[in-house]
Amino acid sequence: MVGSISAQIALLAFAAAIVAGLAAGNSPTTVLMRALVTMFAALMVSKLVTWTTKLILRDHLQHKKLAIDQAHLASLQRSDAAKQSGDESSTTVGTG
């Protein structure tokens, strides 16, 4: 995922640099060299940003899953406690 998003951003920067260079009236060699440098820089920056975003999202989702699991466990424990207290009260009533 990091690689594909980074490549798409780099190609978009490359295309934008070519269009801007041609619109400015620069020579084709200058346009191509600047576009390649722009593409490489955009690739490095976008890899850093997408990698950081991936780590942030992974951490957020892990915390969210942990909270859901803890709530589920607490619900199961309450359910078991209610069953046990219901079983105890029925055995106490039956013997009296």
C-alpha atoms as a PDB file:
ATOM      1  CA  MET A   1       0.000   0.000   0.000  1.00  0.00           C
ATOM      2  CA  VAL A   2       2.795   2.431   0.897  1.00  0.00           C
ATOM      3  CA  GLY A   3       4.593   1.773  -2.369  1.00  0.00           C
ATOM      4  CA  SER A   4       1.573   2.126  -4.636  1.00  0.00           C
ATOM      5  CA  ILE A   5       0.348   5.376  -3.058  1.00  0.00           C
ATOM      6  CA  SER A   6       3.867   6.812  -3.140  1.00  0.00           C
ATOM      7  CA  ALA A   7       4.286   5.875  -6.805  1.00  0.00           C
ATOM      8  CA  GLN A   8       0.979   7.503  -7.712  1.00  0.00           C
ATOM      9  CA  ILE A   9       1.923  10.733  -5.943  1.00  0.00           C
ATOM     10  CA  ALA A  10       5.359  10.727  -7.599  1.00  0.00           C
ATOM     11  CA  LEU A  11       3.840  10.255 -11.055  1.00  0.00           C
ATOM     12  CA  LEU A  12       1.365  13.045 -10.394  1.00  0.00           C
ATOM     13  CA  ALA A  13       4.249  15.348  -9.399  1.00  0.00           C
ATOM     14  CA  PHE A  14       6.139  14.280 -12.540  1.00  0.00           C
ATOM     15  CA  ALA A  15       3.177  15.113 -14.767  1.00  0.00           C
ATOM     16  CA  ALA A  16       2.614  18.442 -13.031  1.00  0.00           C
ATOM     17  CA  ALA A  17       6.299  19.361 -13.430  1.00  0.00           C
ATOM     18  CA  ILE A  18       6.193  18.519 -17.144  1.00  0.00           C
ATOM     19  CA  VAL A  19       3.060  20.591 -17.714  1.00  0.00           C
ATOM     20  CA  ALA A  20       4.479  23.517 -15.723  1.00  0.00           C
ATOM     21  CA  GLY A  21       7.821  23.354 -17.542  1.00  0.00           C
ATOM     22  CA  LEU A  22       6.216  23.233 -20.967  1.00  0.00           C
ATOM     23  CA  ALA A  23       3.845  26.077 -20.061  1.00  0.00           C
ATOM     24  CA  ALA A  24       6.848  28.158 -18.957  1.00  0.00           C
ATOM     25  CA  GLY A  25       8.511  27.569 -22.331  1.00  0.00           C
ATOM     26  CA  ASN A  26      11.597  25.734 -21.053  1.00  0.00           C
ATOM     27  CA  SER A  27      13.618  23.424 -23.272  1.00  0.00           C
ATOM     28  CA  PRO A  28      12.593  19.737 -23.304  1.00  0.00           C
ATOM     29  CA  THR A  29      15.839  18.651 -21.629  1.00  0.00           C
ATOM     30  CA  THR A  30      15.387  21.137 -18.792  1.00  0.00           C
ATOM     31  CA  VAL A  31      11.758  20.157 -18.379  1.00  0.00           C
ATOM     32  CA  LEU A  32      12.595  16.443 -18.235  1.00  0.00           C
ATOM     33  CA  MET A  33      15.475  16.865 -15.783  1.00  0.00           C
ATOM     34  CA  ARG A  34      13.432  19.027 -13.441  1.00  0.00           C
ATOM     35  CA  ALA A  35      10.477  16.640 -13.700  1.00  0.00           C
ATOM     36  CA  LEU A  36      12.694  13.665 -12.807  1.00  0.00           C
ATOM     37  CA  VAL A  37      14.130  15.486  -9.787  1.00  0.00           C
ATOM     38  CA  THR A  38      10.611  16.481  -8.746  1.00  0.00           C
ATOM     39  CA  MET A  39       9.390  12.894  -9.134  1.00  0.00           C
ATOM     40  CA  PHE A  40      12.225  11.539  -6.992  1.00  0.00           C
ATOM     41  CA  ALA A  41      11.663  14.148  -4.275  1.00  0.00           C
ATOM     42  CA  ALA A  42       7.918  13.525  -4.284  1.00  0.00           C
ATOM     43  CA  LEU A  43       8.534   9.785  -4.039  1.00  0.00           C
ATOM     44  CA  MET A  44      10.733  10.149  -0.963  1.00  0.00           C
ATOM     45  CA  VAL A  45       8.386  12.577   0.796  1.00  0.00           C
ATOM     46  CA  SER A  46       5.288  10.537  -0.023  1.00  0.00           C
ATOM     47  CA  LYS A  47       6.921   7.310   1.205  1.00  0.00           C
ATOM     48  CA  LEU A  48       7.670   8.992   4.522  1.00  0.00           C
ATOM     49  CA  VAL A  49       4.147  10.403   4.825  1.00  0.00           C
ATOM     50  CA  THR A  50       2.382   7.172   3.838  1.00  0.00           C
ATOM     51  CA  TRP A  51       4.586   5.079   6.140  1.00  0.00           C
ATOM     52  CA  THR A  52       3.854   7.425   9.051  1.00  0.00           C
ATOM     53  CA  THR A  53       0.133   7.381   8.256  1.00  0.00           C
ATOM     54  CA  LYS A  54       0.164   3.587   8.134  1.00  0.00           C
ATOM     55  CA  LEU A  55       1.760   3.417  11.599  1.00  0.00           C
ATOM     56  CA  ILE A  56      -0.719   5.914  13.049  1.00  0.00           C
ATOM     57  CA  LEU A  57      -3.712   4.058  11.607  1.00  0.00           C
ATOM     58  CA  ARG A  58      -2.396   0.676  12.765  1.00  0.00           C
ATOM     59  CA  ASP A  59      -1.889   1.999  16.295  1.00  0.00           C
ATOM     60  CA  HIS A  60      -5.362   3.574  16.353  1.00  0.00           C
ATOM     61  CA  LEU A  61      -7.043   0.399  15.127  1.00  0.00           C
ATOM     62  CA  GLN A  62      -5.151  -1.749  17.640  1.00  0.00           C
ATOM     63  CA  HIS A  63      -6.331   0.478  20.494  1.00  0.00           C
ATOM     64  CA  LYS A  64      -9.879   0.378  19.170  1.00  0.00           C
ATOM     65  CA  LYS A  65      -9.809  -3.428  18.864  1.00  0.00           C
ATOM     66  CA  LEU A  66      -8.424  -3.730  22.389  1.00  0.00           C
ATOM     67  CA  ALA A  67     -11.248  -1.560  23.743  1.00  0.00           C
ATOM     68  CA  ILE A  68     -13.842  -3.668  21.912  1.00  0.00           C
ATOM     69  CA  ASP A  69     -12.273  -6.890  23.200  1.00  0.00           C
ATOM     70  CA  GLN A  70     -12.206  -5.563  26.777  1.00  0.00           C
ATOM     71  CA  ALA A  71     -15.862  -4.519  26.551  1.00  0.00           C
ATOM     72  CA  HIS A  72     -16.760  -7.940  25.179  1.00  0.00           C
ATOM     73  CA  LEU A  73     -14.878  -9.692  27.977  1.00  0.00           C
ATOM     74  CA  ALA A  74     -16.547  -7.531  30.623  1.00  0.00           C
ATOM     75  CA  SER A  75     -19.936  -8.332  29.113  1.00  0.00           C
ATOM     76  CA  LEU A  76     -19.198 -12.058  29.192  1.00  0.00           C
ATOM     77  CA  GLN A  77     -18.045 -11.846  32.796  1.00  0.00           C
ATOM     78  CA  ARG A  78     -21.214  -9.976  33.808  1.00  0.00           C
ATOM     79  CA  SER A  79     -23.295 -12.568  31.977  1.00  0.00           C
ATOM     80  CA  ASP A  80     -21.521 -15.439  33.745  1.00  0.00           C
ATOM     81  CA  ALA A  81     -21.897 -13.703  37.101  1.00  0.00           C
ATOM     82  CA  ALA A  82     -25.619 -13.183  36.486  1.00  0.00           C
ATOM     83  CA  LYS A  83     -26.034 -16.853  35.529  1.00  0.00           C
ATOM     84  CA  GLN A  84     -24.203 -18.013  38.631  1.00  0.00           C
ATOM     85  CA  SER A  85     -26.195 -15.760  40.933  1.00  0.00           C
ATOM     86  CA  GLY A  86     -29.398 -16.939  39.224  1.00  0.00           C
ATOM     87  CA  ASP A  87     -28.371 -20.595  39.698  1.00  0.00           C
ATOM     88  CA  GLU A  88     -27.525 -20.033  43.363  1.00  0.00           C
ATOM     89  CA  SER A  89     -30.836 -18.341  44.088  1.00  0.00           C
ATOM     90  CA  SER A  90     -32.791 -21.153  42.424  1.00  0.00           C
ATOM     91  CA  THR A  91     -30.971 -23.831  44.436  1.00  0.00           C
ATOM     92  CA  THR A  92     -31.524 -21.887  47.650  1.00  0.00           C
ATOM     93  CA  VAL A  93     -35.244 -21.490  46.957  1.00  0.00           C
ATOM     94  CA  GLY A  94     -35.614 -25.165  46.077  1.00  0.00           C
ATOM     95  CA  THR A  95     -34.138 -26.413  49.375  1.00  0.00           C
ATOM     96  CA  GLY A  96     -36.153 -24.107  51.626  1.00  0.00           C
END
